[in-house]
Each structure stands twice: as structure tokens, then as C-alpha cells.
Amino acid sequence: MLTNHVCFLPQEAPGNRDEDSSDFSPSRVAGVISVGSANIDDSKQTTSDYGSAIGVFAPGGNIISAFNTSDTATATLSGTSQVSVVMTLAFCRPWDQL
């Protein structure tokens, strides 16, 4: 049974520049979880930002995602935008409901 609950997760996708995210906002803002993108082997994706502002890395490579070409379209995407969805699910849903 799913329970109703609200989750506010101050996290952001730092970018796909392969640069130190500490130099950019909102990554450098205290209290924000900046999430880097990792490959299936836990290595950093080559385009993912890095640095001390990254709080955690999560799967972000080859994620099957909804796409804008139709109501049922999907696409295989990579990058920190895909990671944001994974992190929201991990932090905001009880483990037995994942």
C-alpha cells in the first residue's frame, strides 16, 4: 500500500560541461545536493561536472526516458538531467516502494 507523503529535495543537475561545479550556481549553494552522472560501472560520465560541490553520483547513462515526440515516445538519454529523476526516487520513496 502506498502512503501519501510530501518530499522536498533541494537537488540539482549541475551540468554536462566536464568542469568543476563548485564554480557555478546553484551547485555552490549550501544545502543543495548536486548530483553527478555515473556510468553503469560507477565511473564518472565523461561529460558530467565534478568537484567538491558534487554530493553524490548516480546512474545517468543510457536511461530510458519519456520523450517529446509523442505521448508514448521514449528515448535513451544520458546526463545529469537523467540523474535528477533517479535521486528524487531514491530519496523520496520508501525503499520497499521502489
PDB file of N, CA and C in Angstrom:
ATOM      1  N   MET A   1       0.837  -1.176   0.000  1.00  0.00           N
ATOM      2  CA  MET A   1       0.000   0.000   0.000  1.00  0.00           C
ATOM      3  C   MET A   1       0.886   1.245   0.000  1.00  0.00           C
ATOM      4  N   LEU A   2       0.607   2.149  -0.904  1.00  0.00           N
ATOM      5  CA  LEU A   2       1.351   3.402  -0.954  1.00  0.00           C
ATOM      6  C   LEU A   2       0.789   4.376   0.066  1.00  0.00           C
ATOM      7  N   THR A   3       1.655   5.087   0.702  1.00  0.00           N
ATOM      8  CA  THR A   3       1.215   6.113   1.639  1.00  0.00           C
ATOM      9  C   THR A   3       1.406   7.479   0.997  1.00  0.00           C
ATOM     10  N   ASN A   4       0.560   8.411   1.351  1.00  0.00           N
ATOM     11  CA  ASN A   4       0.691   9.776   0.842  1.00  0.00           C
ATOM     12  C   ASN A   4       1.719  10.516   1.687  1.00  0.00           C
ATOM     13  N   HIS A   5       2.667  11.124   1.026  1.00  0.00           N
ATOM     14  CA  HIS A   5       3.644  11.931   1.735  1.00  0.00           C
ATOM     15  C   HIS A   5       4.227  12.957   0.759  1.00  0.00           C
ATOM     16  N   VAL A   6       4.815  13.986   1.306  1.00  0.00           N
ATOM     17  CA  VAL A   6       5.414  15.041   0.501  1.00  0.00           C
ATOM     18  C   VAL A   6       6.921  15.008   0.736  1.00  0.00           C
ATOM     19  N   CYS A   7       7.673  15.193  -0.305  1.00  0.00           N
ATOM     20  CA  CYS A   7       9.122  15.223  -0.186  1.00  0.00           C
ATOM     21  C   CYS A   7       9.646  16.452  -0.909  1.00  0.00           C
ATOM     22  N   PHE A   8      10.420  17.245  -0.213  1.00  0.00           N
ATOM     23  CA  PHE A   8      11.108  18.373  -0.829  1.00  0.00           C
ATOM     24  C   PHE A   8      12.589  18.041  -0.836  1.00  0.00           C
ATOM     25  N   LEU A   9      13.158  17.933  -2.010  1.00  0.00           N
ATOM     26  CA  LEU A   9      14.559  17.555  -2.133  1.00  0.00           C
ATOM     27  C   LEU A   9      15.309  18.644  -2.883  1.00  0.00           C
ATOM     28  N   PRO A  10      16.084  19.472  -2.167  1.00  0.00           N
ATOM     29  CA  PRO A  10      16.823  20.556  -2.836  1.00  0.00           C
ATOM     30  C   PRO A  10      18.050  20.004  -3.556  1.00  0.00           C
ATOM     31  N   GLN A  11      17.815  19.436  -4.732  1.00  0.00           N
ATOM     32  CA  GLN A  11      18.908  18.886  -5.513  1.00  0.00           C
ATOM     33  C   GLN A  11      18.866  19.455  -6.918  1.00  0.00           C
ATOM     34  N   GLU A  12      19.991  19.369  -7.592  1.00  0.00           N
ATOM     35  CA  GLU A  12      20.048  19.934  -8.933  1.00  0.00           C
ATOM     36  C   GLU A  12      21.018  19.142  -9.790  1.00  0.00           C
ATOM     37  N   ALA A  13      20.790  19.233 -11.089  1.00  0.00           N
ATOM     38  CA  ALA A  13      21.686  18.632 -12.066  1.00  0.00           C
ATOM     39  C   ALA A  13      22.753  19.669 -12.412  1.00  0.00           C
ATOM     40  N   PRO A  14      23.982  19.465 -11.979  1.00  0.00           N
ATOM     41  CA  PRO A  14      24.992  20.508 -12.114  1.00  0.00           C
ATOM     42  C   PRO A  14      25.389  20.831 -13.544  1.00  0.00           C
ATOM     43  N   GLY A  15      25.261  19.918 -14.434  1.00  0.00           N
ATOM     44  CA  GLY A  15      25.584  20.221 -15.825  1.00  0.00           C
ATOM     45  C   GLY A  15      26.441  19.159 -16.473  1.00  0.00           C
ATOM     46  N   ASN A  16      26.570  19.298 -17.746  1.00  0.00           N
ATOM     47  CA  ASN A  16      27.316  18.348 -18.564  1.00  0.00           C
ATOM     48  C   ASN A  16      28.446  19.074 -19.288  1.00  0.00           C
ATOM     49  N   ARG A  17      29.239  19.803 -18.507  1.00  0.00           N
ATOM     50  CA  ARG A  17      30.338  20.591 -19.073  1.00  0.00           C
ATOM     51  C   ARG A  17      31.698  19.952 -18.845  1.00  0.00           C
ATOM     52  N   ASP A  18      31.761  18.908 -18.001  1.00  0.00           N
ATOM     53  CA  ASP A  18      33.020  18.312 -17.568  1.00  0.00           C
ATOM     54  C   ASP A  18      33.911  19.370 -16.925  1.00  0.00           C
ATOM     55  N   GLU A  19      33.286  20.169 -16.031  1.00  0.00           N
ATOM     56  CA  GLU A  19      34.004  21.220 -15.316  1.00  0.00           C
ATOM     57  C   GLU A  19      33.720  21.112 -13.824  1.00  0.00           C
ATOM     58  N   ASP A  20      34.479  21.836 -13.031  1.00  0.00           N
ATOM     59  CA  ASP A  20      34.285  21.857 -11.584  1.00  0.00           C
ATOM     60  C   ASP A  20      32.993  22.607 -11.270  1.00  0.00           C
ATOM     61  N   SER A  21      32.019  21.895 -10.747  1.00  0.00           N
ATOM     62  CA  SER A  21      30.709  22.513 -10.480  1.00  0.00           C
ATOM     63  C   SER A  21      30.758  23.519  -9.337  1.00  0.00           C
ATOM     64  N   SER A  22      31.839  23.530  -8.566  1.00  0.00           N
ATOM     65  CA  SER A  22      31.978  24.498  -7.478  1.00  0.00           C
ATOM     66  C   SER A  22      32.042  25.928  -7.989  1.00  0.00           C
ATOM     67  N   ASP A  23      32.326  26.074  -9.273  1.00  0.00           N
ATOM     68  CA  ASP A  23      32.416  27.403  -9.877  1.00  0.00           C
ATOM     69  C   ASP A  23      31.071  27.932 -10.354  1.00  0.00           C
ATOM     70  N   PHE A  24      30.013  27.149 -10.202  1.00  0.00           N
ATOM     71  CA  PHE A  24      28.720  27.516 -10.761  1.00  0.00           C
ATOM     72  C   PHE A  24      27.616  27.466  -9.706  1.00  0.00           C
ATOM     73  N   SER A  25      26.603  28.267  -9.928  1.00  0.00           N
ATOM     74  CA  SER A  25      25.413  28.242  -9.088  1.00  0.00           C
ATOM     75  C   SER A  25      24.347  27.444  -9.830  1.00  0.00           C
ATOM     76  N   PRO A  26      23.523  26.690  -9.151  1.00  0.00           N
ATOM     77  CA  PRO A  26      23.333  26.569  -7.709  1.00  0.00           C
ATOM     78  C   PRO A  26      24.206  25.526  -7.032  1.00  0.00           C
ATOM     79  N   SER A  27      25.104  24.870  -7.764  1.00  0.00           N
ATOM     80  CA  SER A  27      25.934  23.821  -7.156  1.00  0.00           C
ATOM     81  C   SER A  27      26.680  24.297  -5.927  1.00  0.00           C
ATOM     82  N   ARG A  28      27.174  25.510  -5.951  1.00  0.00           N
ATOM     83  CA  ARG A  28      27.992  26.005  -4.837  1.00  0.00           C
ATOM     84  C   ARG A  28      27.173  26.508  -3.660  1.00  0.00           C
ATOM     85  N   VAL A  29      25.848  26.474  -3.760  1.00  0.00           N
ATOM     86  CA  VAL A  29      24.977  26.959  -2.687  1.00  0.00           C
ATOM     87  C   VAL A  29      24.851  25.891  -1.597  1.00  0.00           C
ATOM     88  N   ALA A  30      25.042  26.285  -0.353  1.00  0.00           N
ATOM     89  CA  ALA A  30      24.920  25.350   0.767  1.00  0.00           C
ATOM     90  C   ALA A  30      23.503  24.797   0.843  1.00  0.00           C
ATOM     91  N   GLY A  31      23.390  23.518   1.136  1.00  0.00           N
ATOM     92  CA  GLY A  31      22.086  22.888   1.304  1.00  0.00           C
ATOM     93  C   GLY A  31      21.510  22.281   0.038  1.00  0.00           C
ATOM     94  N   VAL A  32      22.176  22.467  -1.093  1.00  0.00           N
ATOM     95  CA  VAL A  32      21.719  21.879  -2.346  1.00  0.00           C
ATOM     96  C   VAL A  32      22.535  20.616  -2.609  1.00  0.00           C
ATOM     97  N   ILE A  33      21.861  19.539  -2.961  1.00  0.00           N
ATOM     98  CA  ILE A  33      22.546  18.304  -3.323  1.00  0.00           C
ATOM     99  C   ILE A  33      22.807  18.344  -4.824  1.00  0.00           C
ATOM    100  N   SER A  34      24.064  18.461  -5.199  1.00  0.00           N
ATOM    101  CA  SER A  34      24.443  18.431  -6.606  1.00  0.00           C
ATOM    102  C   SER A  34      24.787  16.995  -6.970  1.00  0.00           C
ATOM    103  N   VAL A  35      24.172  16.498  -8.030  1.00  0.00           N
ATOM    104  CA  VAL A  35      24.275  15.089  -8.372  1.00  0.00           C
ATOM    105  C   VAL A  35      25.004  14.925  -9.703  1.00  0.00           C
ATOM    106  N   GLY A  36      26.148  14.254  -9.657  1.00  0.00           N
ATOM    107  CA  GLY A  36      26.903  13.968 -10.866  1.00  0.00           C
ATOM    108  C   GLY A  36      26.392  12.707 -11.532  1.00  0.00           C
ATOM    109  N   SER A  37      26.751  12.542 -12.780  1.00  0.00           N
ATOM    110  CA  SER A  37      26.265  11.419 -13.574  1.00  0.00           C
ATOM    111  C   SER A  37      27.335  10.340 -13.697  1.00  0.00           C
ATOM    112  N   ALA A  38      26.947   9.094 -13.371  1.00  0.00           N
ATOM    113  CA  ALA A  38      27.860   7.957 -13.427  1.00  0.00           C
ATOM    114  C   ALA A  38      27.408   6.953 -14.484  1.00  0.00           C
ATOM    115  N   ASN A  39      28.377   6.217 -15.005  1.00  0.00           N
ATOM    116  CA  ASN A  39      28.106   5.118 -15.928  1.00  0.00           C
ATOM    117  C   ASN A  39      27.729   3.863 -15.155  1.00  0.00           C
ATOM    118  N   ILE A  40      27.369   2.825 -15.866  1.00  0.00           N
ATOM    119  CA  ILE A  40      26.963   1.568 -15.229  1.00  0.00           C
ATOM    120  C   ILE A  40      28.092   0.957 -14.391  1.00  0.00           C
ATOM    121  N   ASP A  41      29.353   1.261 -14.719  1.00  0.00           N
ATOM    122  CA  ASP A  41      30.478   0.721 -13.955  1.00  0.00           C
ATOM    123  C   ASP A  41      30.922   1.655 -12.831  1.00  0.00           C
ATOM    124  N   ASP A  42      30.083   2.635 -12.485  1.00  0.00           N
ATOM    125  CA  ASP A  42      30.320   3.606 -11.417  1.00  0.00           C
ATOM    126  C   ASP A  42      31.402   4.641 -11.747  1.00  0.00           C
ATOM    127  N   SER A  43      31.883   4.682 -12.972  1.00  0.00           N
ATOM    128  CA  SER A  43      32.826   5.721 -13.352  1.00  0.00           C
ATOM    129  C   SER A  43      32.054   6.983 -13.717  1.00  0.00           C
ATOM    130  N   LYS A  44      32.706   8.134 -13.575  1.00  0.00           N
ATOM    131  CA  LYS A  44      32.068   9.399 -13.936  1.00  0.00           C
ATOM    132  C   LYS A  44      31.848   9.435 -15.439  1.00  0.00           C
ATOM    133  N   GLN A  45      30.660   9.852 -15.844  1.00  0.00           N
ATOM    134  CA  GLN A  45      30.446  10.065 -17.269  1.00  0.00           C
ATOM    135  C   GLN A  45      31.379  11.163 -17.735  1.00  0.00           C
ATOM    136  N   THR A  46      31.906  11.040 -18.929  1.00  0.00           N
ATOM    137  CA  THR A  46      32.905  11.987 -19.409  1.00  0.00           C
ATOM    138  C   THR A  46      32.392  13.418 -19.451  1.00  0.00           C
ATOM    139  N   THR A  47      31.098  13.626 -19.615  1.00  0.00           N
ATOM    140  CA  THR A  47      30.563  14.986 -19.697  1.00  0.00           C
ATOM    141  C   THR A  47      30.090  15.532 -18.353  1.00  0.00           C
ATOM    142  N   SER A  48      29.964  14.689 -17.345  1.00  0.00           N
ATOM    143  CA  SER A  48      29.429  15.132 -16.056  1.00  0.00           C
ATOM    144  C   SER A  48      30.370  16.109 -15.360  1.00  0.00           C
ATOM    145  N   ASP A  49      29.790  17.132 -14.729  1.00  0.00           N
ATOM    146  CA  ASP A  49      30.591  18.021 -13.891  1.00  0.00           C
ATOM    147  C   ASP A  49      31.128  17.231 -12.694  1.00  0.00           C
ATOM    148  N   TYR A  50      32.095  17.774 -12.014  1.00  0.00           N
ATOM    149  CA  TYR A  50      32.768  17.108 -10.898  1.00  0.00           C
ATOM    150  C   TYR A  50      33.130  18.162  -9.855  1.00  0.00           C
ATOM    151  N   GLY A  51      33.827  17.763  -8.823  1.00  0.00           N
ATOM    152  CA  GLY A  51      34.345  18.696  -7.833  1.00  0.00           C
ATOM    153  C   GLY A  51      33.731  18.539  -6.469  1.00  0.00           C
ATOM    154  N   SER A  52      34.185  19.382  -5.551  1.00  0.00           N
ATOM    155  CA  SER A  52      33.766  19.269  -4.151  1.00  0.00           C
ATOM    156  C   SER A  52      32.290  19.589  -3.947  1.00  0.00           C
ATOM    157  N   ALA A  53      31.655  20.279  -4.877  1.00  0.00           N
ATOM    158  CA  ALA A  53      30.230  20.597  -4.727  1.00  0.00           C
ATOM    159  C   ALA A  53      29.327  19.419  -5.079  1.00  0.00           C
ATOM    160  N   ILE A  54      29.862  18.410  -5.742  1.00  0.00           N
ATOM    161  CA  ILE A  54      29.065  17.229  -6.075  1.00  0.00           C
ATOM    162  C   ILE A  54      28.906  16.398  -4.808  1.00  0.00           C
ATOM    163  N   GLY A  55      27.672  16.204  -4.388  1.00  0.00           N
ATOM    164  CA  GLY A  55      27.409  15.455  -3.168  1.00  0.00           C
ATOM    165  C   GLY A  55      27.339  13.965  -3.385  1.00  0.00           C
ATOM    166  N   VAL A  56      26.931  13.556  -4.581  1.00  0.00           N
ATOM    167  CA  VAL A  56      26.752  12.137  -4.858  1.00  0.00           C
ATOM    168  C   VAL A  56      26.711  11.949  -6.378  1.00  0.00           C
ATOM    169  N   PHE A  57      27.130  10.786  -6.810  1.00  0.00           N
ATOM    170  CA  PHE A  57      26.971  10.387  -8.207  1.00  0.00           C
ATOM    171  C   PHE A  57      25.886   9.326  -8.263  1.00  0.00           C
ATOM    172  N   ALA A  58      25.131   9.305  -9.341  1.00  0.00           N
ATOM    173  CA  ALA A  58      24.053   8.333  -9.518  1.00  0.00           C
ATOM    174  C   ALA A  58      23.988   7.919 -10.983  1.00  0.00           C
ATOM    175  N   PRO A  59      23.317   6.804 -11.248  1.00  0.00           N
ATOM    176  CA  PRO A  59      23.217   6.339 -12.632  1.00  0.00           C
ATOM    177  C   PRO A  59      22.623   7.412 -13.538  1.00  0.00           C
ATOM    178  N   GLY A  60      23.322   7.716 -14.612  1.00  0.00           N
ATOM    179  CA  GLY A  60      22.838   8.736 -15.537  1.00  0.00           C
ATOM    180  C   GLY A  60      23.150   8.419 -16.982  1.00  0.00           C
ATOM    181  N   GLY A  61      23.623   7.221 -17.245  1.00  0.00           N
ATOM    182  CA  GLY A  61      23.959   6.834 -18.604  1.00  0.00           C
ATOM    183  C   GLY A  61      22.954   5.860 -19.173  1.00  0.00           C
ATOM    184  N   ASN A  62      22.527   6.134 -20.379  1.00  0.00           N
ATOM    185  CA  ASN A  62      21.617   5.243 -21.103  1.00  0.00           C
ATOM    186  C   ASN A  62      20.332   4.957 -20.331  1.00  0.00           C
ATOM    187  N   ILE A  63      19.680   6.008 -19.881  1.00  0.00           N
ATOM    188  CA  ILE A  63      18.419   5.911 -19.148  1.00  0.00           C
ATOM    189  C   ILE A  63      17.262   6.016 -20.140  1.00  0.00           C
ATOM    190  N   ILE A  64      16.348   5.054 -20.097  1.00  0.00           N
ATOM    191  CA  ILE A  64      15.159   5.124 -20.953  1.00  0.00           C
ATOM    192  C   ILE A  64      14.219   6.147 -20.340  1.00  0.00           C
ATOM    193  N   SER A  65      13.870   7.150 -21.130  1.00  0.00           N
ATOM    194  CA  SER A  65      13.151   8.313 -20.627  1.00  0.00           C
ATOM    195  C   SER A  65      11.982   8.655 -21.537  1.00  0.00           C
ATOM    196  N   ALA A  66      10.999   9.348 -20.982  1.00  0.00           N
ATOM    197  CA  ALA A  66       9.921   9.882 -21.816  1.00  0.00           C
ATOM    198  C   ALA A  66      10.522  10.887 -22.791  1.00  0.00           C
ATOM    199  N   PHE A  67       9.903  11.017 -23.967  1.00  0.00           N
ATOM    200  CA  PHE A  67      10.445  11.933 -24.970  1.00  0.00           C
ATOM    201  C   PHE A  67       9.318  12.754 -25.559  1.00  0.00           C
ATOM    202  N   ASN A  68       9.652  13.872 -26.165  1.00  0.00           N
ATOM    203  CA  ASN A  68       8.653  14.862 -26.554  1.00  0.00           C
ATOM    204  C   ASN A  68       8.042  14.681 -27.941  1.00  0.00           C
ATOM    205  N   THR A  69       8.325  13.597 -28.622  1.00  0.00           N
ATOM    206  CA  THR A  69       7.795  13.446 -29.970  1.00  0.00           C
ATOM    207  C   THR A  69       6.369  12.899 -30.013  1.00  0.00           C
ATOM    208  N   SER A  70       5.913  12.287 -28.919  1.00  0.00           N
ATOM    209  CA  SER A  70       4.519  11.831 -28.823  1.00  0.00           C
ATOM    210  C   SER A  70       4.213  11.517 -27.369  1.00  0.00           C
ATOM    211  N   ASP A  71       2.948  11.213 -27.082  1.00  0.00           N
ATOM    212  CA  ASP A  71       2.541  10.894 -25.709  1.00  0.00           C
ATOM    213  C   ASP A  71       3.139   9.584 -25.205  1.00  0.00           C
ATOM    214  N   THR A  72       3.574   8.717 -26.112  1.00  0.00           N
ATOM    215  CA  THR A  72       4.107   7.416 -25.707  1.00  0.00           C
ATOM    216  C   THR A  72       5.574   7.232 -26.086  1.00  0.00           C
ATOM    217  N   ALA A  73       6.199   8.272 -26.611  1.00  0.00           N
ATOM    218  CA  ALA A  73       7.582   8.163 -27.092  1.00  0.00           C
ATOM    219  C   ALA A  73       8.575   8.018 -25.949  1.00  0.00           C
ATOM    220  N   THR A  74       9.616   7.248 -26.197  1.00  0.00           N
ATOM    221  CA  THR A  74      10.732   7.127 -25.270  1.00  0.00           C
ATOM    222  C   THR A  74      12.026   7.341 -26.042  1.00  0.00           C
ATOM    223  N   ALA A  75      13.077   7.658 -25.305  1.00  0.00           N
ATOM    224  CA  ALA A  75      14.410   7.802 -25.881  1.00  0.00           C
ATOM    225  C   ALA A  75      15.418   7.373 -24.827  1.00  0.00           C
ATOM    226  N   THR A  76      16.554   6.904 -25.259  1.00  0.00           N
ATOM    227  CA  THR A  76      17.630   6.556 -24.348  1.00  0.00           C
ATOM    228  C   THR A  76      18.540   7.781 -24.234  1.00  0.00           C
ATOM    229  N   LEU A  77      18.577   8.349 -23.027  1.00  0.00           N
ATOM    230  CA  LEU A  77      19.285   9.608 -22.793  1.00  0.00           C
ATOM    231  C   LEU A  77      20.348   9.429 -21.716  1.00  0.00           C
ATOM    232  N   SER A  78      21.290  10.335 -21.688  1.00  0.00           N
ATOM    233  CA  SER A  78      22.349  10.326 -20.681  1.00  0.00           C
ATOM    234  C   SER A  78      22.596  11.746 -20.190  1.00  0.00           C
ATOM    235  N   GLY A  79      23.095  11.852 -18.957  1.00  0.00           N
ATOM    236  CA  GLY A  79      23.471  13.153 -18.431  1.00  0.00           C
ATOM    237  C   GLY A  79      22.874  13.437 -17.069  1.00  0.00           C
ATOM    238  N   THR A  80      23.226  14.607 -16.538  1.00  0.00           N
ATOM    239  CA  THR A  80      22.802  14.931 -15.180  1.00  0.00           C
ATOM    240  C   THR A  80      21.300  15.169 -15.058  1.00  0.00           C
ATOM    241  N   SER A  81      20.627  15.502 -16.137  1.00  0.00           N
ATOM    242  CA  SER A  81      19.162  15.655 -16.069  1.00  0.00           C
ATOM    243  C   SER A  81      18.493  14.320 -15.774  1.00  0.00           C
ATOM    244  N   GLN A  82      19.052  13.243 -16.277  1.00  0.00           N
ATOM    245  CA  GLN A  82      18.516  11.916 -16.008  1.00  0.00           C
ATOM    246  C   GLN A  82      18.766  11.515 -14.555  1.00  0.00           C
ATOM    247  N   VAL A  83      19.888  11.949 -14.017  1.00  0.00           N
ATOM    248  CA  VAL A  83      20.252  11.642 -12.632  1.00  0.00           C
ATOM    249  C   VAL A  83      19.257  12.248 -11.649  1.00  0.00           C
ATOM    250  N   SER A  84      18.745  13.426 -11.941  1.00  0.00           N
ATOM    251  CA  SER A  84      17.803  14.099 -11.041  1.00  0.00           C
ATOM    252  C   SER A  84      16.597  13.239 -10.743  1.00  0.00           C
ATOM    253  N   VAL A  85      16.097  12.563 -11.740  1.00  0.00           N
ATOM    254  CA  VAL A  85      14.932  11.686 -11.552  1.00  0.00           C
ATOM    255  C   VAL A  85      15.293  10.518 -10.645  1.00  0.00           C
ATOM    256  N   VAL A  86      16.439   9.906 -10.889  1.00  0.00           N
ATOM    257  CA  VAL A  86      16.887   8.775 -10.071  1.00  0.00           C
ATOM    258  C   VAL A  86      17.025   9.197  -8.613  1.00  0.00           C
ATOM    259  N   MET A  87      17.626  10.350  -8.356  1.00  0.00           N
ATOM    260  CA  MET A  87      17.837  10.810  -6.986  1.00  0.00           C
ATOM    261  C   MET A  87      16.524  11.135  -6.282  1.00  0.00           C
ATOM    262  N   THR A  88      15.600  11.732  -6.982  1.00  0.00           N
ATOM    263  CA  THR A  88      14.306  12.034  -6.374  1.00  0.00           C
ATOM    264  C   THR A  88      13.612  10.746  -5.950  1.00  0.00           C
ATOM    265  N   LEU A  89      13.635   9.746  -6.799  1.00  0.00           N
ATOM    266  CA  LEU A  89      13.030   8.456  -6.438  1.00  0.00           C
ATOM    267  C   LEU A  89      13.727   7.827  -5.240  1.00  0.00           C
ATOM    268  N   ALA A  90      15.055   7.863  -5.233  1.00  0.00           N
ATOM    269  CA  ALA A  90      15.807   7.234  -4.153  1.00  0.00           C
ATOM    270  C   ALA A  90      15.588   7.914  -2.810  1.00  0.00           C
ATOM    271  N   PHE A  91      15.514   9.239  -2.800  1.00  0.00           N
ATOM    272  CA  PHE A  91      15.382   9.973  -1.541  1.00  0.00           C
ATOM    273  C   PHE A  91      13.948  10.122  -1.076  1.00  0.00           C
ATOM    274  N   CYS A  92      12.998  10.124  -1.978  1.00  0.00           N
ATOM    275  CA  CYS A  92      11.618  10.470  -1.617  1.00  0.00           C
ATOM    276  C   CYS A  92      10.665   9.289  -1.547  1.00  0.00           C
ATOM    277  N   ARG A  93      11.074   8.125  -1.925  1.00  0.00           N
ATOM    278  CA  ARG A  93      10.194   6.957  -1.869  1.00  0.00           C
ATOM    279  C   ARG A  93      10.753   5.973  -0.853  1.00  0.00           C
ATOM    280  N   PRO A  94       9.913   5.387  -0.045  1.00  0.00           N
ATOM    281  CA  PRO A  94      10.407   4.310   0.836  1.00  0.00           C
ATOM    282  C   PRO A  94      10.991   3.193  -0.017  1.00  0.00           C
ATOM    283  N   TRP A  95      12.069   2.575   0.462  1.00  0.00           N
ATOM    284  CA  TRP A  95      12.779   1.561  -0.313  1.00  0.00           C
ATOM    285  C   TRP A  95      11.863   0.433  -0.776  1.00  0.00           C
ATOM    286  N   ASP A  96      10.896   0.041   0.037  1.00  0.00           N
ATOM    287  CA  ASP A  96      10.038  -1.082  -0.363  1.00  0.00           C
ATOM    288  C   ASP A  96       9.053  -0.689  -1.465  1.00  0.00           C
ATOM    289  N   GLN A  97       9.029   0.572  -1.863  1.00  0.00           N
ATOM    290  CA  GLN A  97       8.133   1.010  -2.922  1.00  0.00           C
ATOM    291  C   GLN A  97       8.873   1.357  -4.204  1.00  0.00           C
ATOM    292  N   LEU A  98      10.179   1.134  -4.250  1.00  0.00           N
ATOM    293  CA  LEU A  98      10.941   1.408  -5.474  1.00  0.00           C
ATOM    294  C   LEU A  98      10.763   0.290  -6.465  1.00  0.00           C
TER     295      LEU A  98
END
